């Protein structure tokens, strides 16, 4: 038999503590981990897809402008003659080195400096006479 009421109080507190621990453990086991909802998954995947499309479009622009757009604009701005002419190749030179490849046609569409290029010299006949160009 117990001698004091304080021991009875301690036993009740201990019993209450054990019961609370069991209740919390049972609640923790019963609580299943929740996953993402269907809306959250759709939002995540659509955002990821749009980010990939945006990166692909940006990198495509970086490569398409110097390779396709710039040569096309320079071709349109070059004022080609619309009358047919007779063209004859007079000379062809293979050039090496950065200083020898200074023609813009050697670097057109390139993303780096050209160290090897070909120069072609032509002469052509039009209605006014023979002209020599490179």
C-alpha atoms as a PDB file:
ATOM      1  CA  UNK A   1       0.000   0.000   0.000  1.00  0.00           C
ATOM      2  CA  UNK A   2       1.099   3.464  -0.718  1.00  0.00           C
ATOM      3  CA  UNK A   3       1.756   5.845   2.018  1.00  0.00           C
ATOM      4  CA  UNK A   4       1.147   9.281   0.565  1.00  0.00           C
ATOM      5  CA  UNK A   5      -1.152  11.050  -1.813  1.00  0.00           C
ATOM      6  CA  UNK A   6       1.796  12.485  -3.762  1.00  0.00           C
ATOM      7  CA  UNK A   7       2.725   9.019  -4.940  1.00  0.00           C
ATOM      8  CA  UNK A   8      -0.819   8.485  -6.147  1.00  0.00           C
ATOM      9  CA  UNK A   9      -0.655  11.764  -8.015  1.00  0.00           C
ATOM     10  CA  UNK A  10       2.637  10.769  -9.645  1.00  0.00           C
ATOM     11  CA  UNK A  11       1.171   7.441 -10.723  1.00  0.00           C
ATOM     12  CA  UNK A  12      -1.812   9.176 -12.293  1.00  0.00           C
ATOM     13  CA  UNK A  13       0.454  11.593 -14.131  1.00  0.00           C
ATOM     14  CA  UNK A  14       2.623   8.736 -15.372  1.00  0.00           C
ATOM     15  CA  UNK A  15      -0.451   6.847 -16.564  1.00  0.00           C
ATOM     16  CA  UNK A  16      -1.757   9.958 -18.324  1.00  0.00           C
ATOM     17  CA  UNK A  17       1.634  10.532 -20.003  1.00  0.00           C
ATOM     18  CA  UNK A  18       1.738   6.935 -21.298  1.00  0.00           C
ATOM     19  CA  UNK A  19      -1.812   7.195 -22.632  1.00  0.00           C
ATOM     20  CA  UNK A  20      -1.002  10.466 -24.480  1.00  0.00           C
ATOM     21  CA  UNK A  21       2.130   8.917 -26.023  1.00  0.00           C
ATOM     22  CA  UNK A  22       0.083   5.961 -27.288  1.00  0.00           C
ATOM     23  CA  UNK A  23      -2.574   8.277 -28.740  1.00  0.00           C
ATOM     24  CA  UNK A  24       0.035  10.397 -30.529  1.00  0.00           C
ATOM     25  CA  UNK A  25       1.795   7.315 -31.923  1.00  0.00           C
ATOM     26  CA  UNK A  26      -1.519   5.915 -33.214  1.00  0.00           C
ATOM     27  CA  UNK A  27      -2.422   9.264 -34.799  1.00  0.00           C
ATOM     28  CA  UNK A  28       0.986   9.457 -36.467  1.00  0.00           C
ATOM     29  CA  UNK A  29       0.604   5.949 -37.923  1.00  0.00           C
ATOM     30  CA  UNK A  30      -2.934   6.652 -39.135  1.00  0.00           C
ATOM     31  CA  UNK A  31      -1.888   9.858 -40.851  1.00  0.00           C
ATOM     32  CA  UNK A  32      -0.879   8.813 -44.384  1.00  0.00           C
ATOM     33  CA  UNK A  33       1.544  11.005 -46.329  1.00  0.00           C
ATOM     34  CA  UNK A  34      -0.400  13.106 -48.796  1.00  0.00           C
ATOM     35  CA  UNK A  35       0.831  13.407 -52.379  1.00  0.00           C
ATOM     36  CA  UNK A  36       0.336  16.192 -54.856  1.00  0.00           C
ATOM     37  CA  UNK A  37      -3.128  16.793 -56.155  1.00  0.00           C
ATOM     38  CA  UNK A  38      -3.949  16.377 -59.834  1.00  0.00           C
ATOM     39  CA  UNK A  39      -4.067  20.154 -60.284  1.00  0.00           C
ATOM     40  CA  UNK A  40      -0.630  20.608 -58.694  1.00  0.00           C
ATOM     41  CA  UNK A  41       0.852  17.908 -60.927  1.00  0.00           C
ATOM     42  CA  UNK A  42      -0.674  19.451 -64.057  1.00  0.00           C
ATOM     43  CA  UNK A  43       0.660  22.878 -63.076  1.00  0.00           C
ATOM     44  CA  UNK A  44       4.142  21.469 -62.400  1.00  0.00           C
ATOM     45  CA  UNK A  45       4.401  19.593 -65.708  1.00  0.00           C
ATOM     46  CA  UNK A  46       2.932  22.411 -67.800  1.00  0.00           C
ATOM     47  CA  UNK A  47       5.371  24.900 -66.245  1.00  0.00           C
ATOM     48  CA  UNK A  48       8.274  22.533 -66.896  1.00  0.00           C
ATOM     49  CA  UNK A  49       7.197  22.023 -70.510  1.00  0.00           C
ATOM     50  CA  UNK A  50       6.882  25.766 -71.123  1.00  0.00           C
ATOM     51  CA  UNK A  51      10.329  26.363 -69.597  1.00  0.00           C
ATOM     52  CA  UNK A  52      11.897  23.770 -71.913  1.00  0.00           C
ATOM     53  CA  UNK A  53      10.127  25.281 -74.938  1.00  0.00           C
ATOM     54  CA  UNK A  54      11.323  28.775 -73.978  1.00  0.00           C
ATOM     55  CA  UNK A  55      14.940  27.602 -73.595  1.00  0.00           C
ATOM     56  CA  UNK A  56      14.791  25.785 -76.941  1.00  0.00           C
ATOM     57  CA  UNK A  57      13.370  28.848 -78.687  1.00  0.00           C
ATOM     58  CA  UNK A  58      16.005  31.119 -77.155  1.00  0.00           C
ATOM     59  CA  UNK A  59      18.908  28.915 -78.137  1.00  0.00           C
ATOM     60  CA  UNK A  60      17.445  28.474 -81.634  1.00  0.00           C
ATOM     61  CA  UNK A  61      17.390  32.242 -82.075  1.00  0.00           C
ATOM     62  CA  UNK A  62      21.021  32.483 -81.001  1.00  0.00           C
ATOM     63  CA  UNK A  63      22.081  30.129 -83.790  1.00  0.00           C
ATOM     64  CA  UNK A  64      19.549  31.062 -86.488  1.00  0.00           C
ATOM     65  CA  UNK A  65      20.329  34.778 -86.575  1.00  0.00           C
ATOM     66  CA  UNK A  66      24.011  34.536 -87.607  1.00  0.00           C
ATOM     67  CA  UNK A  67      23.544  31.462 -89.807  1.00  0.00           C
ATOM     68  CA  UNK A  68      20.338  32.254 -91.713  1.00  0.00           C
ATOM     69  CA  UNK A  69      18.888  35.678 -91.016  1.00  0.00           C
ATOM     70  CA  UNK A  70      22.050  37.795 -91.378  1.00  0.00           C
ATOM     71  CA  UNK A  71      23.094  36.273 -94.757  1.00  0.00           C
ATOM     72  CA  UNK A  72      19.543  36.642 -96.044  1.00  0.00           C
ATOM     73  CA  UNK A  73      19.429  40.326 -95.099  1.00  0.00           C
ATOM     74  CA  UNK A  74      22.825  41.015 -96.675  1.00  0.00           C
ATOM     75  CA  UNK A  75      21.664  39.247 -99.860  1.00  0.00           C
ATOM     76  CA  UNK A  76      18.566  41.423-100.027  1.00  0.00           C
ATOM     77  CA  UNK A  77      20.626  44.590 -99.441  1.00  0.00           C
ATOM     78  CA  UNK A  78      23.299  43.776-102.060  1.00  0.00           C
ATOM     79  CA  UNK A  79      21.388  45.214-105.068  1.00  0.00           C
ATOM     80  CA  UNK A  80      22.025  42.411-107.542  1.00  0.00           C
ATOM     81  CA  UNK A  81      21.657  43.212-111.240  1.00  0.00           C
ATOM     82  CA  UNK A  82      18.436  41.831-112.665  1.00  0.00           C
ATOM     83  CA  UNK A  83      19.698  41.572-116.264  1.00  0.00           C
ATOM     84  CA  UNK A  84      21.362  38.272-117.252  1.00  0.00           C
ATOM     85  CA  UNK A  85      25.157  38.417-117.715  1.00  0.00           C
ATOM     86  CA  UNK A  86      27.910  36.034-118.806  1.00  0.00           C
ATOM     87  CA  UNK A  87      30.231  35.195-115.923  1.00  0.00           C
ATOM     88  CA  UNK A  88      33.728  33.677-116.315  1.00  0.00           C
ATOM     89  CA  UNK A  89      36.002  32.576-113.471  1.00  0.00           C
ATOM     90  CA  UNK A  90      39.429  34.130-114.006  1.00  0.00           C
ATOM     91  CA  UNK A  91      41.318  33.115-110.884  1.00  0.00           C
ATOM     92  CA  UNK A  92      40.936  31.055-107.708  1.00  0.00           C
ATOM     93  CA  UNK A  93      43.141  31.444-104.620  1.00  0.00           C
ATOM     94  CA  UNK A  94      43.308  29.356-101.466  1.00  0.00           C
ATOM     95  CA  UNK A  95      44.198  31.687 -98.584  1.00  0.00           C
ATOM     96  CA  UNK A  96      45.411  30.826 -95.094  1.00  0.00           C
ATOM     97  CA  UNK A  97      45.647  33.052 -92.038  1.00  0.00           C
ATOM     98  CA  UNK A  98      43.375  35.564 -90.401  1.00  0.00           C
ATOM     99  CA  UNK A  99      44.746  38.594 -92.308  1.00  0.00           C
ATOM    100  CA  UNK A 100      44.242  36.904 -95.705  1.00  0.00           C
ATOM    101  CA  UNK A 101      40.608  36.022 -95.042  1.00  0.00           C
ATOM    102  CA  UNK A 102      39.294  39.561 -94.715  1.00  0.00           C
ATOM    103  CA  UNK A 103      36.444  39.297 -97.229  1.00  0.00           C
ATOM    104  CA  UNK A 104      33.046  39.360 -95.601  1.00  0.00           C
ATOM    105  CA  UNK A 105      31.931  36.407 -97.729  1.00  0.00           C
ATOM    106  CA  UNK A 106      34.609  34.279 -96.029  1.00  0.00           C
ATOM    107  CA  UNK A 107      33.025  34.894 -92.638  1.00  0.00           C
ATOM    108  CA  UNK A 108      29.356  35.058 -93.599  1.00  0.00           C
ATOM    109  CA  UNK A 109      27.363  32.649 -91.497  1.00  0.00           C
ATOM    110  CA  UNK A 110      30.369  31.758 -89.324  1.00  0.00           C
ATOM    111  CA  UNK A 111      30.394  32.142 -85.581  1.00  0.00           C
ATOM    112  CA  UNK A 112      34.205  32.251 -85.347  1.00  0.00           C
ATOM    113  CA  UNK A 113      37.107  33.742 -87.304  1.00  0.00           C
ATOM    114  CA  UNK A 114      37.985  32.046 -90.594  1.00  0.00           C
ATOM    115  CA  UNK A 115      41.617  30.941 -90.992  1.00  0.00           C
ATOM    116  CA  UNK A 116      41.147  29.173 -94.330  1.00  0.00           C
ATOM    117  CA  UNK A 117      39.142  30.626 -97.207  1.00  0.00           C
ATOM    118  CA  UNK A 118      38.852  30.584-100.983  1.00  0.00           C
ATOM    119  CA  UNK A 119      38.918  33.761-103.087  1.00  0.00           C
ATOM    120  CA  UNK A 120      37.308  33.492-106.509  1.00  0.00           C
ATOM    121  CA  UNK A 121      37.843  36.268-109.058  1.00  0.00           C
ATOM    122  CA  UNK A 122      35.384  36.580-111.951  1.00  0.00           C
ATOM    123  CA  UNK A 123      34.820  38.757-114.973  1.00  0.00           C
ATOM    124  CA  UNK A 124      31.423  39.196-116.515  1.00  0.00           C
ATOM    125  CA  UNK A 125      29.934  40.736-119.648  1.00  0.00           C
ATOM    126  CA  UNK A 126      26.937  42.952-119.535  1.00  0.00           C
ATOM    127  CA  UNK A 127      25.468  45.231-122.168  1.00  0.00           C
ATOM    128  CA  UNK A 128      28.055  47.953-121.353  1.00  0.00           C
ATOM    129  CA  UNK A 129      31.259  45.908-121.487  1.00  0.00           C
ATOM    130  CA  UNK A 130      33.565  43.651-119.429  1.00  0.00           C
ATOM    131  CA  UNK A 131      33.896  44.228-115.682  1.00  0.00           C
ATOM    132  CA  UNK A 132      36.212  42.450-113.277  1.00  0.00           C
ATOM    133  CA  UNK A 133      35.134  41.679-109.745  1.00  0.00           C
ATOM    134  CA  UNK A 134      36.253  39.532-106.902  1.00  0.00           C
END
